[in-house]
C-alpha atoms as a PDB file:
ATOM      1  CA  UNK A   1      20.071  -5.124 -16.904  1.00  0.00           C
ATOM      2  CA  UNK A   2      20.409  -8.184 -14.646  1.00  0.00           C
ATOM      3  CA  UNK A   3      18.172 -11.236 -14.652  1.00  0.00           C
ATOM      4  CA  UNK A   4      16.319 -11.754 -11.393  1.00  0.00           C
ATOM      5  CA  UNK A   5      17.113 -15.060  -9.714  1.00  0.00           C
ATOM      6  CA  UNK A   6      14.508 -17.437  -8.350  1.00  0.00           C
ATOM      7  CA  UNK A   7      15.780 -16.766  -4.832  1.00  0.00           C
ATOM      8  CA  UNK A   8      15.344 -13.029  -5.348  1.00  0.00           C
ATOM      9  CA  UNK A   9      11.796 -13.463  -6.664  1.00  0.00           C
ATOM     10  CA  UNK A  10      10.875 -15.596  -3.634  1.00  0.00           C
ATOM     11  CA  UNK A  11      12.344 -13.118  -1.165  1.00  0.00           C
ATOM     12  CA  UNK A  12      10.853 -10.074  -2.899  1.00  0.00           C
ATOM     13  CA  UNK A  13       7.448 -11.762  -3.053  1.00  0.00           C
ATOM     14  CA  UNK A  14       7.690 -12.450   0.673  1.00  0.00           C
ATOM     15  CA  UNK A  15       8.723  -8.853   1.355  1.00  0.00           C
ATOM     16  CA  UNK A  16       5.771  -7.594  -0.694  1.00  0.00           C
ATOM     17  CA  UNK A  17       3.340  -9.781   1.233  1.00  0.00           C
ATOM     18  CA  UNK A  18       4.737  -8.789   4.627  1.00  0.00           C
ATOM     19  CA  UNK A  19       4.941  -5.060   4.016  1.00  0.00           C
ATOM     20  CA  UNK A  20       1.955  -4.198   1.788  1.00  0.00           C
ATOM     21  CA  UNK A  21      -0.491  -3.871   4.662  1.00  0.00           C
ATOM     22  CA  UNK A  22       1.823  -2.878   7.480  1.00  0.00           C
ATOM     23  CA  UNK A  23       2.326   0.922   7.537  1.00  0.00           C
ATOM     24  CA  UNK A  24       5.975   0.643   6.547  1.00  0.00           C
ATOM     25  CA  UNK A  25       5.716   0.959   2.716  1.00  0.00           C
ATOM     26  CA  UNK A  26       6.012  -2.147   0.560  1.00  0.00           C
ATOM     27  CA  UNK A  27       7.379  -0.207  -2.423  1.00  0.00           C
ATOM     28  CA  UNK A  28      10.154   1.204  -0.236  1.00  0.00           C
ATOM     29  CA  UNK A  29      11.061  -2.225   1.089  1.00  0.00           C
ATOM     30  CA  UNK A  30      11.139  -3.814  -2.364  1.00  0.00           C
ATOM     31  CA  UNK A  31      13.353  -0.982  -3.570  1.00  0.00           C
ATOM     32  CA  UNK A  32      15.675  -1.264  -0.561  1.00  0.00           C
ATOM     33  CA  UNK A  33      15.934  -5.067  -0.525  1.00  0.00           C
ATOM     34  CA  UNK A  34      16.591  -5.314  -4.263  1.00  0.00           C
ATOM     35  CA  UNK A  35      19.245  -2.581  -4.052  1.00  0.00           C
ATOM     36  CA  UNK A  36      21.039  -4.094  -1.050  1.00  0.00           C
ATOM     37  CA  UNK A  37      20.949  -7.605  -2.500  1.00  0.00           C
ATOM     38  CA  UNK A  38      21.495  -7.093  -6.217  1.00  0.00           C
ATOM     39  CA  UNK A  39      22.656  -3.506  -6.412  1.00  0.00           C
ATOM     40  CA  UNK A  40      19.729  -2.786  -8.751  1.00  0.00           C
ATOM     41  CA  UNK A  41      16.064  -1.819  -8.614  1.00  0.00           C
ATOM     42  CA  UNK A  42      13.384  -4.477  -9.061  1.00  0.00           C
ATOM     43  CA  UNK A  43      11.328  -1.748 -10.717  1.00  0.00           C
ATOM     44  CA  UNK A  44       7.994  -0.021 -10.272  1.00  0.00           C
ATOM     45  CA  UNK A  45       6.260  -2.407 -12.681  1.00  0.00           C
ATOM     46  CA  UNK A  46       7.398  -5.505 -10.766  1.00  0.00           C
ATOM     47  CA  UNK A  47       6.191  -3.827  -7.567  1.00  0.00           C
ATOM     48  CA  UNK A  48       2.793  -2.982  -9.060  1.00  0.00           C
ATOM     49  CA  UNK A  49       2.244  -6.487 -10.468  1.00  0.00           C
ATOM     50  CA  UNK A  50       3.212  -8.327  -7.276  1.00  0.00           C
ATOM     51  CA  UNK A  51       0.760  -6.058  -5.468  1.00  0.00           C
ATOM     52  CA  UNK A  52      -1.941  -7.938  -7.386  1.00  0.00           C
ATOM     53  CA  UNK A  53      -1.146 -10.888  -5.131  1.00  0.00           C
ATOM     54  CA  UNK A  54      -1.624  -8.896  -1.969  1.00  0.00           C
ATOM     55  CA  UNK A  55      -4.807  -7.293  -3.264  1.00  0.00           C
ATOM     56  CA  UNK A  56      -6.147 -10.763  -4.058  1.00  0.00           C
ATOM     57  CA  UNK A  57      -5.474 -11.520  -0.388  1.00  0.00           C
ATOM     58  CA  UNK A  58      -7.653  -8.519   0.524  1.00  0.00           C
ATOM     59  CA  UNK A  59     -10.419  -9.765  -1.774  1.00  0.00           C
ATOM     60  CA  UNK A  60     -10.351 -13.202  -0.161  1.00  0.00           C
ATOM     61  CA  UNK A  61      -9.996 -11.957   3.426  1.00  0.00           C
ATOM     62  CA  UNK A  62     -12.811  -9.427   3.082  1.00  0.00           C
ATOM     63  CA  UNK A  63     -14.891 -11.492   0.631  1.00  0.00           C
ATOM     64  CA  UNK A  64     -18.015 -11.459   2.809  1.00  0.00           C
ATOM     65  CA  UNK A  65     -17.758  -7.728   3.468  1.00  0.00           C
ATOM     66  CA  UNK A  66     -17.136  -6.955  -0.200  1.00  0.00           C
ATOM     67  CA  UNK A  67     -20.026  -9.153  -1.349  1.00  0.00           C
ATOM     68  CA  UNK A  68     -22.338  -7.521   1.193  1.00  0.00           C
ATOM     69  CA  UNK A  69     -21.296  -3.996   0.169  1.00  0.00           C
ATOM     70  CA  UNK A  70     -21.695  -4.758  -3.543  1.00  0.00           C
ATOM     71  CA  UNK A  71     -25.111  -6.330  -3.011  1.00  0.00           C
ATOM     72  CA  UNK A  72     -26.238  -3.354  -0.924  1.00  0.00           C
ATOM     73  CA  UNK A  73     -24.861  -0.876  -3.461  1.00  0.00           C
ATOM     74  CA  UNK A  74     -26.727  -2.426  -6.399  1.00  0.00           C
ATOM     75  CA  UNK A  75     -29.867  -2.833  -4.291  1.00  0.00           C
ATOM     76  CA  UNK A  76     -29.666   0.804  -3.242  1.00  0.00           C
ATOM     77  CA  UNK A  77     -29.372   1.948  -6.846  1.00  0.00           C
ATOM     78  CA  UNK A  78     -32.702   0.277  -7.586  1.00  0.00           C
ATOM     79  CA  UNK A  79     -34.499   1.028  -4.325  1.00  0.00           C
ATOM     80  CA  UNK A  80     -33.852   4.201  -2.263  1.00  0.00           C
ATOM     81  CA  UNK A  81     -35.352   2.525   0.804  1.00  0.00           C
ATOM     82  CA  UNK A  82     -32.426   0.081   0.913  1.00  0.00           C
ATOM     83  CA  UNK A  83     -29.674   2.692   1.062  1.00  0.00           C
ATOM     84  CA  UNK A  84     -28.041   1.784   4.373  1.00  0.00           C
ATOM     85  CA  UNK A  85     -24.436   1.997   5.564  1.00  0.00           C
ATOM     86  CA  UNK A  86     -23.164  -0.681   3.160  1.00  0.00           C
ATOM     87  CA  UNK A  87     -24.673   1.206   0.232  1.00  0.00           C
ATOM     88  CA  UNK A  88     -22.953   4.385   1.386  1.00  0.00           C
ATOM     89  CA  UNK A  89     -19.629   2.591   1.922  1.00  0.00           C
ATOM     90  CA  UNK A  90     -19.814   1.383  -1.681  1.00  0.00           C
ATOM     91  CA  UNK A  91     -20.050   4.990  -2.859  1.00  0.00           C
ATOM     92  CA  UNK A  92     -17.358   6.063  -0.395  1.00  0.00           C
ATOM     93  CA  UNK A  93     -14.918   3.536  -1.873  1.00  0.00           C
ATOM     94  CA  UNK A  94     -15.598   4.887  -5.368  1.00  0.00           C
ATOM     95  CA  UNK A  95     -15.256   8.469  -4.155  1.00  0.00           C
ATOM     96  CA  UNK A  96     -11.988   7.761  -2.334  1.00  0.00           C
ATOM     97  CA  UNK A  97     -10.503   6.033  -5.387  1.00  0.00           C
ATOM     98  CA  UNK A  98     -10.899   8.910  -7.851  1.00  0.00           C
ATOM     99  CA  UNK A  99      -7.984  11.105  -6.648  1.00  0.00           C
ATOM    100  CA  UNK A 100      -5.311   8.393  -6.838  1.00  0.00           C
ATOM    101  CA  UNK A 101      -6.520   7.187 -10.237  1.00  0.00           C
ATOM    102  CA  UNK A 102      -6.189  10.691 -11.659  1.00  0.00           C
ATOM    103  CA  UNK A 103      -2.823  11.492 -10.063  1.00  0.00           C
ATOM    104  CA  UNK A 104      -1.422   8.017 -10.686  1.00  0.00           C
ATOM    105  CA  UNK A 105      -2.166   8.378 -14.401  1.00  0.00           C
ATOM    106  CA  UNK A 106      -0.785  11.914 -14.622  1.00  0.00           C
ATOM    107  CA  UNK A 107       2.457  11.147 -12.774  1.00  0.00           C
ATOM    108  CA  UNK A 108       3.231   7.630 -14.039  1.00  0.00           C
ATOM    109  CA  UNK A 109       6.667   8.601 -15.399  1.00  0.00           C
ATOM    110  CA  UNK A 110       7.718  10.389 -12.206  1.00  0.00           C
ATOM    111  CA  UNK A 111       6.595   7.446 -10.065  1.00  0.00           C
ATOM    112  CA  UNK A 112       8.769   5.098 -12.116  1.00  0.00           C
ATOM    113  CA  UNK A 113      11.844   7.369 -12.167  1.00  0.00           C
ATOM    114  CA  UNK A 114      12.244  10.108  -9.543  1.00  0.00           C
ATOM    115  CA  UNK A 115      10.082   8.170  -7.087  1.00  0.00           C
ATOM    116  CA  UNK A 116      12.636   5.340  -7.002  1.00  0.00           C
ATOM    117  CA  UNK A 117      15.359   7.574  -5.500  1.00  0.00           C
ATOM    118  CA  UNK A 118      16.572   6.047  -2.224  1.00  0.00           C
ATOM    119  CA  UNK A 119      17.259   9.483  -0.724  1.00  0.00           C
ATOM    120  CA  UNK A 120      13.585  10.334  -1.202  1.00  0.00           C
ATOM    121  CA  UNK A 121      12.456   6.956   0.117  1.00  0.00           C
ATOM    122  CA  UNK A 122      14.596   7.175   3.267  1.00  0.00           C
ATOM    123  CA  UNK A 123      13.431  10.717   4.016  1.00  0.00           C
ATOM    124  CA  UNK A 124       9.770   9.769   3.526  1.00  0.00           C
ATOM    125  CA  UNK A 125      10.166   6.770   5.832  1.00  0.00           C
ATOM    126  CA  UNK A 126      11.378   9.078   8.587  1.00  0.00           C
ATOM    127  CA  UNK A 127       9.108  12.093   8.004  1.00  0.00           C
ATOM    128  CA  UNK A 128       5.864  10.144   7.845  1.00  0.00           C
ATOM    129  CA  UNK A 129       6.752   8.314  11.017  1.00  0.00           C
ATOM    130  CA  UNK A 130       6.027  11.582  12.815  1.00  0.00           C
ATOM    131  CA  UNK A 131       2.665  11.793  11.044  1.00  0.00           C
ATOM    132  CA  UNK A 132       1.810   8.393  12.524  1.00  0.00           C
ATOM    133  CA  UNK A 133       2.875   9.531  15.988  1.00  0.00           C
ATOM    134  CA  UNK A 134       0.802  12.712  15.686  1.00  0.00           C
ATOM    135  CA  UNK A 135      -2.223  10.729  14.476  1.00  0.00           C
ATOM    136  CA  UNK A 136      -1.983   8.468  17.506  1.00  0.00           C
ATOM    137  CA  UNK A 137      -1.406  11.433  19.819  1.00  0.00           C
ATOM    138  CA  UNK A 138      -4.519  13.318  18.743  1.00  0.00           C
ATOM    139  CA  UNK A 139      -6.777  10.382  17.855  1.00  0.00           C
ATOM    140  CA  UNK A 140     -10.078  10.236  19.725  1.00  0.00           C
ATOM    141  CA  UNK A 141     -11.088   6.893  18.165  1.00  0.00           C
ATOM    142  CA  UNK A 142     -14.725   7.659  18.921  1.00  0.00           C
ATOM    143  CA  UNK A 143     -16.237   6.337  15.671  1.00  0.00           C
ATOM    144  CA  UNK A 144     -16.391   2.929  13.994  1.00  0.00           C
ATOM    145  CA  UNK A 145     -16.913   1.936  10.358  1.00  0.00           C
ATOM    146  CA  UNK A 146     -20.707   2.235  10.637  1.00  0.00           C
ATOM    147  CA  UNK A 147     -20.252   5.956  11.310  1.00  0.00           C
ATOM    148  CA  UNK A 148     -18.110   6.604   8.238  1.00  0.00           C
ATOM    149  CA  UNK A 149     -19.006   9.804   6.358  1.00  0.00           C
ATOM    150  CA  UNK A 150     -18.463  11.237   2.893  1.00  0.00           C
ATOM    151  CA  UNK A 151     -15.896  13.649   4.327  1.00  0.00           C
ATOM    152  CA  UNK A 152     -13.949  10.709   5.773  1.00  0.00           C
ATOM    153  CA  UNK A 153     -13.898   9.074   2.338  1.00  0.00           C
ATOM    154  CA  UNK A 154     -12.684  12.209   0.571  1.00  0.00           C
ATOM    155  CA  UNK A 155      -9.924  12.941   3.085  1.00  0.00           C
ATOM    156  CA  UNK A 156      -8.730   9.325   3.206  1.00  0.00           C
ATOM    157  CA  UNK A 157      -8.869   9.165  -0.588  1.00  0.00           C
ATOM    158  CA  UNK A 158      -6.642  12.237  -0.825  1.00  0.00           C
ATOM    159  CA  UNK A 159      -4.300  10.738   1.778  1.00  0.00           C
ATOM    160  CA  UNK A 160      -4.050   7.582  -0.336  1.00  0.00           C
ATOM    161  CA  UNK A 161      -2.465   9.686  -3.101  1.00  0.00           C
ATOM    162  CA  UNK A 162       0.583  10.122  -0.874  1.00  0.00           C
ATOM    163  CA  UNK A 163       1.226   6.398  -1.335  1.00  0.00           C
ATOM    164  CA  UNK A 164       2.368   7.207  -4.888  1.00  0.00           C
ATOM    165  CA  UNK A 165       5.604   8.284  -3.171  1.00  0.00           C
ATOM    166  CA  UNK A 166       7.582   5.190  -2.074  1.00  0.00           C
ATOM    167  CA  UNK A 167       8.329   5.385   1.629  1.00  0.00           C
ATOM    168  CA  UNK A 168       5.010   6.915   2.660  1.00  0.00           C
ATOM    169  CA  UNK A 169       2.854   3.734   2.937  1.00  0.00           C
ATOM    170  CA  UNK A 170      -0.679   3.491   1.610  1.00  0.00           C
ATOM    171  CA  UNK A 171      -2.124   1.946   4.759  1.00  0.00           C
ATOM    172  CA  UNK A 172      -0.135   4.299   6.979  1.00  0.00           C
ATOM    173  CA  UNK A 173      -1.264   7.457   5.191  1.00  0.00           C
ATOM    174  CA  UNK A 174      -4.931   6.489   4.953  1.00  0.00           C
ATOM    175  CA  UNK A 175      -5.153   5.021   8.463  1.00  0.00           C
ATOM    176  CA  UNK A 176      -3.490   8.139   9.902  1.00  0.00           C
ATOM    177  CA  UNK A 177      -6.038  10.294   8.101  1.00  0.00           C
ATOM    178  CA  UNK A 178      -8.792   8.129   9.565  1.00  0.00           C
ATOM    179  CA  UNK A 179      -7.391   8.531  13.064  1.00  0.00           C
ATOM    180  CA  UNK A 180      -7.176  12.313  12.682  1.00  0.00           C
ATOM    181  CA  UNK A 181     -10.844  12.221  11.640  1.00  0.00           C
ATOM    182  CA  UNK A 182     -11.847  10.354  14.789  1.00  0.00           C
ATOM    183  CA  UNK A 183     -12.205   6.800  13.462  1.00  0.00           C
ATOM    184  CA  UNK A 184     -10.969   4.000  15.684  1.00  0.00           C
ATOM    185  CA  UNK A 185      -7.825   2.234  14.556  1.00  0.00           C
ATOM    186  CA  UNK A 186      -9.465  -0.935  13.238  1.00  0.00           C
ATOM    187  CA  UNK A 187     -12.090   1.013  11.262  1.00  0.00           C
ATOM    188  CA  UNK A 188      -9.400   3.236   9.742  1.00  0.00           C
ATOM    189  CA  UNK A 189      -7.364   0.237   8.598  1.00  0.00           C
ATOM    190  CA  UNK A 190     -10.395  -1.678   7.310  1.00  0.00           C
ATOM    191  CA  UNK A 191     -11.525   1.215   5.127  1.00  0.00           C
ATOM    192  CA  UNK A 192      -7.908   1.726   4.089  1.00  0.00           C
ATOM    193  CA  UNK A 193      -7.811  -1.834   2.755  1.00  0.00           C
ATOM    194  CA  UNK A 194     -11.146  -1.420   0.950  1.00  0.00           C
ATOM    195  CA  UNK A 195     -10.186   1.764  -0.906  1.00  0.00           C
ATOM    196  CA  UNK A 196      -6.842   0.233  -1.901  1.00  0.00           C
ATOM    197  CA  UNK A 197      -8.523  -2.565  -3.866  1.00  0.00           C
ATOM    198  CA  UNK A 198      -9.571  -0.676  -7.040  1.00  0.00           C
ATOM    199  CA  UNK A 199      -6.469   1.528  -7.047  1.00  0.00           C
ATOM    200  CA  UNK A 200      -3.928  -1.292  -6.659  1.00  0.00           C
ATOM    201  CA  UNK A 201      -5.725  -3.695  -8.969  1.00  0.00           C
ATOM    202  CA  UNK A 202      -5.879  -0.994 -11.621  1.00  0.00           C
ATOM    203  CA  UNK A 203      -2.200  -0.140 -11.171  1.00  0.00           C
ATOM    204  CA  UNK A 204      -1.143  -3.784 -11.308  1.00  0.00           C
ATOM    205  CA  UNK A 205      -3.147  -4.569 -14.428  1.00  0.00           C
ATOM    206  CA  UNK A 206      -1.910  -1.377 -16.107  1.00  0.00           C
ATOM    207  CA  UNK A 207       1.699  -2.384 -15.376  1.00  0.00           C
ATOM    208  CA  UNK A 208       1.429  -5.994 -16.591  1.00  0.00           C
ATOM    209  CA  UNK A 209       2.667  -5.181 -20.068  1.00  0.00           C
ATOM    210  CA  UNK A 210       5.720  -3.258 -18.823  1.00  0.00           C
ATOM    211  CA  UNK A 211       6.591  -5.934 -16.246  1.00  0.00           C
ATOM    212  CA  UNK A 212       6.929  -8.618 -18.900  1.00  0.00           C
ATOM    213  CA  UNK A 213       8.889  -6.475 -21.341  1.00  0.00           C
ATOM    214  CA  UNK A 214      12.712  -6.333 -21.077  1.00  0.00           C
ATOM    215  CA  UNK A 215      14.087  -3.000 -19.900  1.00  0.00           C
ATOM    216  CA  UNK A 216      17.513  -1.451 -20.211  1.00  0.00           C
ATOM    217  CA  UNK A 217      18.318  -1.324 -16.506  1.00  0.00           C
ATOM    218  CA  UNK A 218      17.422  -2.839 -13.165  1.00  0.00           C
ATOM    219  CA  UNK A 219      16.510  -6.397 -12.292  1.00  0.00           C
ATOM    220  CA  UNK A 220      14.646  -8.147 -15.081  1.00  0.00           C
ATOM    221  CA  UNK A 221      12.113 -10.687 -13.848  1.00  0.00           C
ATOM    222  CA  UNK A 222      10.862 -13.427 -16.136  1.00  0.00           C
ATOM    223  CA  UNK A 223       7.235 -14.515 -16.301  1.00  0.00           C
ATOM    224  CA  UNK A 224       7.923 -17.408 -13.931  1.00  0.00           C
ATOM    225  CA  UNK A 225       9.561 -15.231 -11.302  1.00  0.00           C
ATOM    226  CA  UNK A 226       6.743 -12.682 -11.433  1.00  0.00           C
ATOM    227  CA  UNK A 227       4.100 -15.385 -11.029  1.00  0.00           C
ATOM    228  CA  UNK A 228       5.948 -17.008  -8.120  1.00  0.00           C
ATOM    229  CA  UNK A 229       6.502 -13.658  -6.385  1.00  0.00           C
ATOM    230  CA  UNK A 230       2.830 -12.750  -6.816  1.00  0.00           C
ATOM    231  CA  UNK A 231       1.597 -16.076  -5.417  1.00  0.00           C
ATOM    232  CA  UNK A 232       3.905 -15.793  -2.417  1.00  0.00           C
ATOM    233  CA  UNK A 233       2.753 -12.196  -1.878  1.00  0.00           C
ATOM    234  CA  UNK A 234      -0.841 -13.469  -1.777  1.00  0.00           C
ATOM    235  CA  UNK A 235      -0.173 -16.158   0.849  1.00  0.00           C
ATOM    236  CA  UNK A 236       2.012 -13.994   3.073  1.00  0.00           C
ATOM    237  CA  UNK A 237      -0.249 -10.984   2.578  1.00  0.00           C
ATOM    238  CA  UNK A 238      -3.320 -12.874   3.764  1.00  0.00           C
ATOM    239  CA  UNK A 239      -1.532 -13.806   6.992  1.00  0.00           C
ATOM    240  CA  UNK A 240      -0.289 -10.220   7.376  1.00  0.00           C
ATOM    241  CA  UNK A 241      -3.838  -8.808   7.180  1.00  0.00           C
ATOM    242  CA  UNK A 242      -5.103 -11.145   9.889  1.00  0.00           C
ATOM    243  CA  UNK A 243      -2.171 -10.311  12.144  1.00  0.00           C
ATOM    244  CA  UNK A 244      -2.350  -6.545  11.581  1.00  0.00           C
ATOM    245  CA  UNK A 245      -6.061  -6.215  12.350  1.00  0.00           C
ATOM    246  CA  UNK A 246      -5.521  -8.020  15.645  1.00  0.00           C
ATOM    247  CA  UNK A 247      -2.409  -6.004  16.428  1.00  0.00           C
ATOM    248  CA  UNK A 248      -3.930  -2.553  15.829  1.00  0.00           C
ATOM    249  CA  UNK A 249      -6.880  -3.399  18.061  1.00  0.00           C
ATOM    250  CA  UNK A 250      -4.581  -3.110  21.082  1.00  0.00           C
ATOM    251  CA  UNK A 251      -1.398  -1.428  19.854  1.00  0.00           C
ATOM    252  CA  UNK A 252      -0.618   1.955  18.331  1.00  0.00           C
ATOM    253  CA  UNK A 253       1.197   2.728  15.082  1.00  0.00           C
ATOM    254  CA  UNK A 254       4.098   4.132  17.103  1.00  0.00           C
ATOM    255  CA  UNK A 255       5.767   0.711  16.928  1.00  0.00           C
ATOM    256  CA  UNK A 256       5.865   0.973  13.145  1.00  0.00           C
ATOM    257  CA  UNK A 257       6.966   4.600  13.341  1.00  0.00           C
ATOM    258  CA  UNK A 258      10.018   3.622  15.403  1.00  0.00           C
ATOM    259  CA  UNK A 259      10.953   0.910  12.914  1.00  0.00           C
ATOM    260  CA  UNK A 260      10.598   3.354   9.997  1.00  0.00           C
ATOM    261  CA  UNK A 261      12.882   5.912  11.656  1.00  0.00           C
ATOM    262  CA  UNK A 262      15.562   3.275  12.248  1.00  0.00           C
ATOM    263  CA  UNK A 263      15.343   1.889   8.694  1.00  0.00           C
ATOM    264  CA  UNK A 264      15.298   5.336   7.101  1.00  0.00           C
ATOM    265  CA  UNK A 265      18.296   6.441   9.160  1.00  0.00           C
ATOM    266  CA  UNK A 266      20.267   3.338   8.186  1.00  0.00           C
ATOM    267  CA  UNK A 267      19.558   3.941   4.492  1.00  0.00           C
ATOM    268  CA  UNK A 268      20.624   7.587   4.795  1.00  0.00           C
ATOM    269  CA  UNK A 269      23.914   6.502   6.353  1.00  0.00           C
ATOM    270  CA  UNK A 270      24.499   3.910   3.614  1.00  0.00           C
ATOM    271  CA  UNK A 271      23.786   6.540   0.958  1.00  0.00           C
ATOM    272  CA  UNK A 272      25.990   9.168   2.587  1.00  0.00           C
ATOM    273  CA  UNK A 273      28.906   6.725   2.854  1.00  0.00           C
ATOM    274  CA  UNK A 274      28.498   5.495  -0.706  1.00  0.00           C
ATOM    275  CA  UNK A 275      27.657   1.925   0.248  1.00  0.00           C
ATOM    276  CA  UNK A 276      24.508   2.077  -1.892  1.00  0.00           C
ATOM    277  CA  UNK A 277      23.529   4.314  -4.792  1.00  0.00           C
ATOM    278  CA  UNK A 278      20.389   6.450  -4.887  1.00  0.00           C
ATOM    279  CA  UNK A 279      19.353   4.902  -8.222  1.00  0.00           C
END
């Protein structure tokens, strides 16, 4: 067990904020950066808690949309005549959240142990890059968020479960699913962010206790470092959302796919040569 330094908490918080919404996997980047810098894992609990900062950024950035959807959802429960698209989106978010809640609970131990293996992370970074490329290749982008369906929600909710594996990327998996279903890129990413809110908030709150308890291995962050990292993740994450939504309006995910292949290949080389350890 090694105490996390203030510099490490600042850098890891920045990494979390930058990578949570980009389809490059924040959990993979936190694992890689902490291993390369300190030779140890920052841990799944630290990752989950700092994600609270980035999810707060989503809540603030999409505050008007979220408030409108919630108001429409409650209004629709009382009055069937008011069940428009926002009412349906409210149900779609709930529907899409169920699979990851169930699987996340069932596989908590595996996520915190086997899922931290750098061999697995590097391979997932590379393999899912080709999923992104295929999604872009076959995307028709003929539908926007107003045309979202229950099938879209179910498929994207199932795709979100893949994010339990570090290296996949929550936004990448769900946005790719949306593209395969015919949603335009911005709609796919917007719904991706919305369905991540309950899942990530739940995961972060569930992991709070473990994050503040000393463990026998890995980097041990104190309360101060966790708070600082989470605040930084919020600020950087907010900026990252704004940038990404503008970027995907005119650019494909192939740019991120190329970066993932390069990073994954570098990690595989470092593992094969013994420069870094898998755990």
